[in-house]
Protein backbone atom coordinates (compact mmCIF):
# COMPACT_ATOMS: atom_id res chain seq x y z
CA MET A 1 108.37 79.40 -14.83
CA HIS A 2 109.29 81.85 -11.76
CA LYS A 3 108.28 81.08 -8.52
CA VAL A 4 107.80 84.51 -7.21
CA ILE A 5 107.68 87.56 -9.61
CA ILE A 6 107.71 91.34 -7.26
CA ILE A 7 105.86 94.03 -8.71
CA GLY A 8 107.99 97.26 -6.64
CA SER A 9 110.50 98.24 -5.20
CA GLY A 10 110.19 100.35 -2.28
CA PRO A 11 111.06 99.50 1.09
CA ALA A 12 108.21 96.51 0.90
CA GLY A 13 109.28 95.49 -2.24
CA LEU A 14 113.30 94.74 -1.48
CA THR A 15 112.34 93.51 1.45
CA ALA A 16 110.05 90.98 0.38
CA ALA A 17 112.98 89.81 -2.25
CA LEU A 18 115.50 89.87 0.74
CA TYR A 19 112.86 87.05 2.31
CA THR A 20 111.75 85.12 -0.97
CA ALA A 21 115.80 84.81 -2.10
CA ARG A 22 117.07 83.62 1.87
CA ALA A 23 114.02 81.22 1.07
CA ASN A 24 115.50 79.93 -2.10
CA LEU A 25 112.85 80.95 -4.05
CA SER A 26 114.64 82.86 -7.02
CA PRO A 27 112.64 86.73 -6.91
CA LEU A 28 112.58 88.14 -9.51
CA VAL A 29 111.76 91.81 -9.01
CA PHE A 30 110.51 94.00 -11.63
CA GLU A 31 111.59 97.98 -9.92
CA GLY A 32 108.86 99.97 -12.15
CA GLU A 33 109.38 103.98 -12.82
CA GLN A 34 110.78 104.91 -9.60
CA PRO A 35 113.25 102.19 -8.38
CA GLY A 36 113.65 102.19 -4.74
CA GLY A 37 109.99 103.97 -3.97
CA GLN A 38 109.10 107.34 -2.58
CA LEU A 39 112.45 107.21 -0.63
CA THR A 40 114.23 108.47 -3.40
CA ILE A 41 112.57 111.64 -3.64
CA THR A 42 113.74 112.02 0.76
CA THR A 43 116.69 113.58 1.59
CA GLU A 44 117.47 112.55 4.92
CA VAL A 45 116.21 109.29 6.95
CA GLU A 46 116.17 109.23 10.70
CA ASN A 47 113.67 107.28 11.74
CA TYR A 48 115.10 104.03 9.70
CA PRO A 49 116.31 101.27 12.87
CA GLY A 50 119.63 100.89 12.57
CA PHE A 51 121.33 104.26 11.13
CA GLU A 52 121.85 105.94 14.00
CA HIS A 53 123.35 109.01 12.24
CA GLY A 54 120.67 108.86 9.30
CA ILE A 55 121.12 107.93 5.96
CA GLN A 56 119.86 109.40 2.61
CA GLY A 57 116.89 107.94 1.06
CA PRO A 58 118.50 106.85 -2.20
CA GLU A 59 121.66 105.33 -0.32
CA MET A 60 119.41 103.41 1.82
CA MET A 61 117.41 101.68 -0.74
CA ASN A 62 120.61 100.88 -2.83
CA ILE A 63 121.47 99.12 0.72
CA PHE A 64 118.21 97.57 0.25
CA ARG A 65 118.80 96.54 -3.24
CA LYS A 66 122.44 95.09 -2.76
CA GLN A 67 121.75 92.99 0.43
CA ALA A 68 118.23 91.41 -1.62
CA GLN A 69 120.94 90.66 -4.67
CA ARG A 70 123.32 89.08 -2.60
CA PHE A 71 121.02 86.05 -2.49
CA GLY A 72 119.95 85.54 -5.40
CA ALA A 73 117.14 88.27 -6.38
CA ASP A 74 116.98 89.51 -9.93
CA CYS A 75 115.84 92.88 -10.07
CA ARG A 76 115.00 94.64 -12.99
CA PHE A 77 114.62 98.29 -13.72
CA GLU A 78 111.85 97.75 -16.00
CA THR A 79 108.06 98.70 -15.33
CA VAL A 80 105.02 96.03 -15.63
CA THR A 81 102.91 96.78 -18.11
CA GLY A 82 100.00 93.68 -17.38
CA VAL A 83 99.00 91.02 -15.74
CA ASP A 84 96.85 87.19 -16.08
CA PHE A 85 95.78 86.49 -12.67
CA SER A 86 92.91 84.64 -14.14
CA LYS A 87 94.49 81.11 -13.29
CA ARG A 88 98.31 79.82 -12.52
CA PRO A 89 100.69 80.33 -13.27
CA PHE A 90 100.28 83.85 -13.41
CA LYS A 91 101.56 86.04 -16.84
CA VAL A 92 103.50 89.23 -15.48
CA ILE A 93 103.81 91.44 -19.04
CA VAL A 94 106.69 93.63 -19.60
CA SER A 95 107.77 95.38 -22.13
CA GLY A 96 105.92 93.01 -24.66
CA GLN A 97 107.11 90.00 -22.95
CA THR A 98 105.65 87.76 -20.90
CA PHE A 99 106.66 86.14 -17.99
CA GLU A 100 105.39 83.04 -15.64
CA THR A 101 104.77 83.17 -12.19
CA GLN A 102 103.85 80.27 -9.15
CA THR A 103 102.83 83.72 -7.13
CA VAL A 104 102.74 87.57 -7.08
CA ILE A 105 104.13 90.02 -4.66
CA VAL A 106 102.49 93.39 -5.57
CA ALA A 107 104.43 96.06 -3.74
CA THR A 108 103.32 99.42 -5.80
CA GLY A 109 103.64 101.51 -3.54
CA ALA A 110 101.76 105.02 -3.69
CA LYS A 111 102.31 108.68 -4.40
CA ALA A 112 101.89 111.59 -2.34
CA LYS A 113 99.20 114.06 -3.99
CA LEU A 114 101.17 117.06 -5.27
CA LEU A 115 100.22 120.99 -5.74
CA GLY A 116 101.73 120.35 -9.66
CA LEU A 117 104.31 123.59 -9.13
CA GLU A 118 107.30 123.21 -10.92
CA SER A 119 109.33 124.68 -7.61
CA GLU A 120 107.58 122.11 -5.38
CA MET A 121 109.72 119.57 -7.26
CA VAL A 122 112.45 121.79 -7.18
CA TYR A 123 112.53 122.26 -3.35
CA MET A 124 111.41 117.96 -2.57
CA GLY A 125 113.14 117.11 -0.06
CA TYR A 126 115.35 120.44 1.00
CA GLY A 127 112.23 122.07 2.58
CA VAL A 128 109.03 120.57 1.35
CA SER A 129 107.11 117.29 2.32
CA ALA A 130 104.52 115.32 2.03
CA CYS A 131 105.20 113.53 5.12
CA ALA A 132 105.23 115.31 8.36
CA THR A 133 105.54 112.24 10.08
CA CYS A 134 109.13 111.67 8.32
CA ASP A 135 109.90 115.40 8.19
CA GLY A 136 108.81 117.47 11.25
CA PHE A 137 111.63 116.53 13.44
CA PHE A 138 113.98 119.00 11.10
CA PHE A 139 111.45 121.99 11.45
CA ARG A 140 112.11 122.45 15.26
CA ASN A 141 111.16 125.99 16.88
CA GLN A 142 110.55 126.88 13.16
CA ASP A 143 107.31 128.84 11.29
CA VAL A 144 106.00 126.02 8.45
CA LEU A 145 102.83 125.80 5.97
CA ILE A 146 100.74 123.05 5.39
CA VAL A 147 98.10 122.56 2.43
CA GLY A 148 95.21 120.84 2.73
CA GLY A 149 91.87 120.80 4.42
CA GLY A 150 91.44 116.67 5.45
CA ASP A 151 91.63 114.67 8.48
CA THR A 152 95.90 114.06 7.41
CA ALA A 153 96.17 117.50 7.01
CA MET A 154 94.69 118.42 10.33
CA GLU A 155 96.23 115.42 12.12
CA GLU A 156 99.82 116.13 10.07
CA ALA A 157 99.52 120.23 11.60
CA ILE A 158 98.48 119.03 15.20
CA TYR A 159 101.66 116.80 14.87
CA LEU A 160 103.94 119.67 13.30
CA THR A 161 103.16 121.74 16.46
CA ASN A 162 105.45 119.18 18.75
CA PHE A 163 108.40 121.03 17.20
CA CYS A 164 107.36 123.93 14.89
CA LYS A 165 107.00 127.58 16.70
CA THR A 166 103.86 127.73 14.69
CA VAL A 167 102.16 125.82 11.56
CA THR A 168 100.11 128.19 9.00
CA VAL A 169 97.43 126.06 7.51
CA VAL A 170 96.74 127.00 4.04
CA HIS A 171 93.69 125.87 2.63
CA ARG A 172 91.27 126.55 -0.88
CA SER A 173 88.05 127.21 0.84
CA GLU A 174 86.29 128.14 4.21
CA LYS A 175 84.45 124.56 4.46
CA PHE A 176 86.97 121.24 5.39
CA ARG A 177 86.82 118.15 4.10
CA SER A 178 88.14 116.96 7.78
CA SER A 179 85.67 115.56 10.68
CA LYS A 180 85.10 117.72 12.90
CA ILE A 181 86.26 116.66 15.09
CA MET A 182 89.91 116.85 13.89
CA LEU A 183 89.14 120.88 12.93
CA ASP A 184 88.12 121.55 16.37
CA ARG A 185 91.22 120.20 17.78
CA ALA A 186 93.02 121.85 15.45
CA LYS A 187 91.61 125.05 16.16
CA ALA A 188 92.03 124.73 19.99
CA ASN A 189 95.45 124.38 18.99
CA PRO A 190 97.47 128.13 19.62
CA LYS A 191 100.63 127.05 17.75
CA ILE A 192 98.17 126.74 14.08
CA LYS A 193 97.12 129.41 11.98
CA TRP A 194 94.81 129.49 9.05
CA LEU A 195 95.12 131.25 5.48
CA LEU A 196 92.02 130.41 4.30
CA ASP A 197 90.47 130.71 0.29
CA SER A 198 94.12 130.45 -0.51
CA GLN A 199 96.46 128.34 -2.10
CA VAL A 200 100.09 128.21 -2.60
CA VAL A 201 100.89 129.26 -6.53
CA ASP A 202 104.68 129.05 -6.22
CA VAL A 203 107.74 128.51 -3.55
CA LEU A 204 110.30 130.65 -3.00
CA GLY A 205 113.91 129.34 -1.77
CA VAL A 206 117.98 130.09 -1.98
CA THR A 207 120.87 127.74 -2.95
CA ASP A 208 123.77 128.49 -1.36
CA ASP A 209 127.54 128.39 -2.75
CA LEU A 210 127.41 124.86 -2.33
CA GLY A 211 124.11 123.69 -4.00
CA ARG A 212 122.74 123.53 -0.66
CA LYS A 213 118.53 124.38 -0.82
CA THR A 214 116.60 126.39 1.46
CA VAL A 215 113.37 127.45 1.12
CA THR A 216 112.11 131.04 2.39
CA GLY A 217 109.11 131.31 1.92
CA ALA A 218 105.58 130.76 -0.49
CA LYS A 219 103.47 133.02 -3.00
CA ILE A 220 99.77 132.66 -1.72
CA LYS A 221 97.30 133.52 -3.85
CA ASN A 222 93.94 134.93 -2.38
CA VAL A 223 90.84 132.97 -4.43
CA ILE A 224 88.24 135.78 -4.06
CA SER A 225 90.28 138.58 -4.81
CA GLY A 226 93.13 137.53 -6.71
CA GLU A 227 95.18 139.28 -5.26
CA ILE A 228 99.05 137.32 -4.55
CA SER A 229 101.25 138.04 -1.13
CA GLU A 230 104.43 136.64 -0.03
CA VAL A 231 104.89 134.38 3.11
CA LYS A 232 107.96 133.44 4.82
CA THR A 233 108.26 130.18 6.09
CA ASN A 234 110.82 127.40 6.54
CA GLY A 235 108.97 124.61 5.08
CA LEU A 236 105.92 123.82 3.36
CA PHE A 237 104.20 120.20 3.79
CA VAL A 238 101.73 119.01 1.21
CA ALA A 239 98.83 117.40 3.01
CA ILE A 240 96.10 116.71 0.03
CA GLY A 241 95.76 112.77 -0.02
CA HIS A 242 97.60 110.01 -1.65
CA GLN A 243 97.06 108.09 -4.58
CA PRO A 244 98.10 103.75 -4.15
CA ASN A 245 100.01 102.99 -7.55
CA THR A 246 97.63 100.02 -8.66
CA GLU A 247 95.34 100.94 -11.92
CA LEU A 248 97.13 98.33 -13.18
CA PHE A 249 95.53 95.74 -10.81
CA LYS A 250 91.34 97.54 -11.66
CA ASP A 251 89.31 94.51 -11.84
CA LYS A 252 91.44 92.14 -10.76
CA LEU A 253 92.42 92.73 -6.94
CA ASP A 254 90.00 93.73 -4.92
CA MET A 255 90.97 97.59 -3.79
CA ASN A 256 88.59 100.40 -1.38
CA GLU A 257 86.85 103.13 -2.93
CA VAL A 258 89.81 105.21 -3.36
CA GLY A 259 92.37 102.29 -4.92
CA TYR A 260 94.40 100.54 -1.60
CA LEU A 261 94.56 97.27 -2.04
CA GLU A 262 92.65 95.04 0.03
CA THR A 263 93.85 91.61 1.77
CA ILE A 264 92.16 89.25 4.10
CA GLY A 265 92.82 89.84 8.14
CA LYS A 266 96.49 90.21 9.04
CA THR A 267 97.99 88.60 6.22
CA SER A 268 99.14 89.73 2.90
CA TYR A 269 96.71 87.62 1.16
CA THR A 270 94.53 89.33 -1.27
CA ASN A 271 91.53 87.07 -3.13
CA ILE A 272 93.62 86.05 -5.88
CA LEU A 273 95.40 83.03 -4.16
CA GLY A 274 98.94 83.05 -4.91
CA VAL A 275 98.80 87.14 -5.37
CA PHE A 276 100.01 89.27 -1.60
CA ALA A 277 99.83 92.66 -1.50
CA CYS A 278 102.12 94.82 1.15
CA GLY A 279 103.55 98.28 1.59
CA ASP A 280 101.91 101.85 0.83
CA CYS A 281 99.30 100.12 -2.68
CA GLN A 282 97.78 98.28 0.28
CA ASP A 283 98.51 100.37 3.84
CA HIS A 284 96.05 103.98 3.76
CA VAL A 285 97.32 104.56 7.54
CA TYR A 286 101.00 104.82 8.50
CA ARG A 287 102.83 104.83 5.73
CA GLN A 288 106.26 104.50 6.99
CA ALA A 289 109.35 103.30 5.42
CA VAL A 290 109.80 100.50 8.42
CA THR A 291 106.16 99.12 8.71
CA ALA A 292 106.30 98.53 4.86
CA ALA A 293 109.27 96.78 5.06
CA GLY A 294 107.42 94.92 7.89
CA SER A 295 104.76 94.27 5.37
CA GLY A 296 107.10 93.04 2.85
CA CYS A 297 108.48 90.49 5.43
CA MET A 298 104.77 89.03 5.85
CA ALA A 299 104.02 89.25 2.30
CA ALA A 300 107.40 87.10 1.69
CA ILE A 301 106.92 84.29 4.19
CA ASP A 302 103.25 84.33 3.02
CA ALA A 303 104.15 83.57 -0.44
CA GLU A 304 106.90 81.29 0.69
CA ARG A 305 104.29 78.81 2.70
CA PHE A 306 101.55 79.30 0.18
CA LEU A 307 104.16 77.54 -2.89
CA ASN A 308 104.61 74.69 -0.17
CA ALA A 309 101.23 74.31 0.30
CA ASN A 310 100.43 74.21 -3.48
CA PRO A 311 103.18 73.61 -5.62
CA LEU A 312 102.47 73.83 -9.06
């Protein structure tokens, strides 16, 4: 029987693995469909403390993994397909095999909702981004587009004006899901322009002789007239929401209406004693690598203390 199984391998999961491994709990980590989490589709990471000159996202997550493995974490590139939290020891099912564990740390993360364009994925991390806080700095004095009509889109559009020359909001309607106060703030900002009744249907770019990709524009379709035009831009931000990867825990763990796992107070405790949640599957506010890592540390400490107080 394992003392702790960690489901997920982004900054939260691998930090939890590091802490539980150093506590001599021999954690078993199932890395899931996207080992390393969302940072593996990010190019340059400049806002994580300790990397003065920045670092590539996949390289950083590989460092996280090796650091946890150094202290005894068992990291496996497998995906959990089922869980049974009805009693301790809990059961975690992977490829038809059942693992028993005294505690579980859920760190399955979230994924940004995207437009579903093939070109969007071609330029993801090379001018296309789903996180203005992460990548806005790279577009200093440049023109960018941002897609969305909710509070997140308005908030990120306003944030981008701190760096960008212009920010153009592309929204498929003239009605917005955002709150009036956020919409009014965005409309009052002179750097923000508007392309309404419009949607992005293609991302345009070039690749140089060294294989470096650059976004140069986007094809925009007017949803009323059907007319398609090309708009020059240096970057495209997608701000249409996030979806937590929590389908596995439906009807097993408490979650909000969107699917984010709910934890008790300022802890990582879920409604099931011995099951803890951390990272972007639980945090719908900050969604940063450094906050995810911090919550992974919290979950590891909570799990260690729980095991000391509730041995099997």
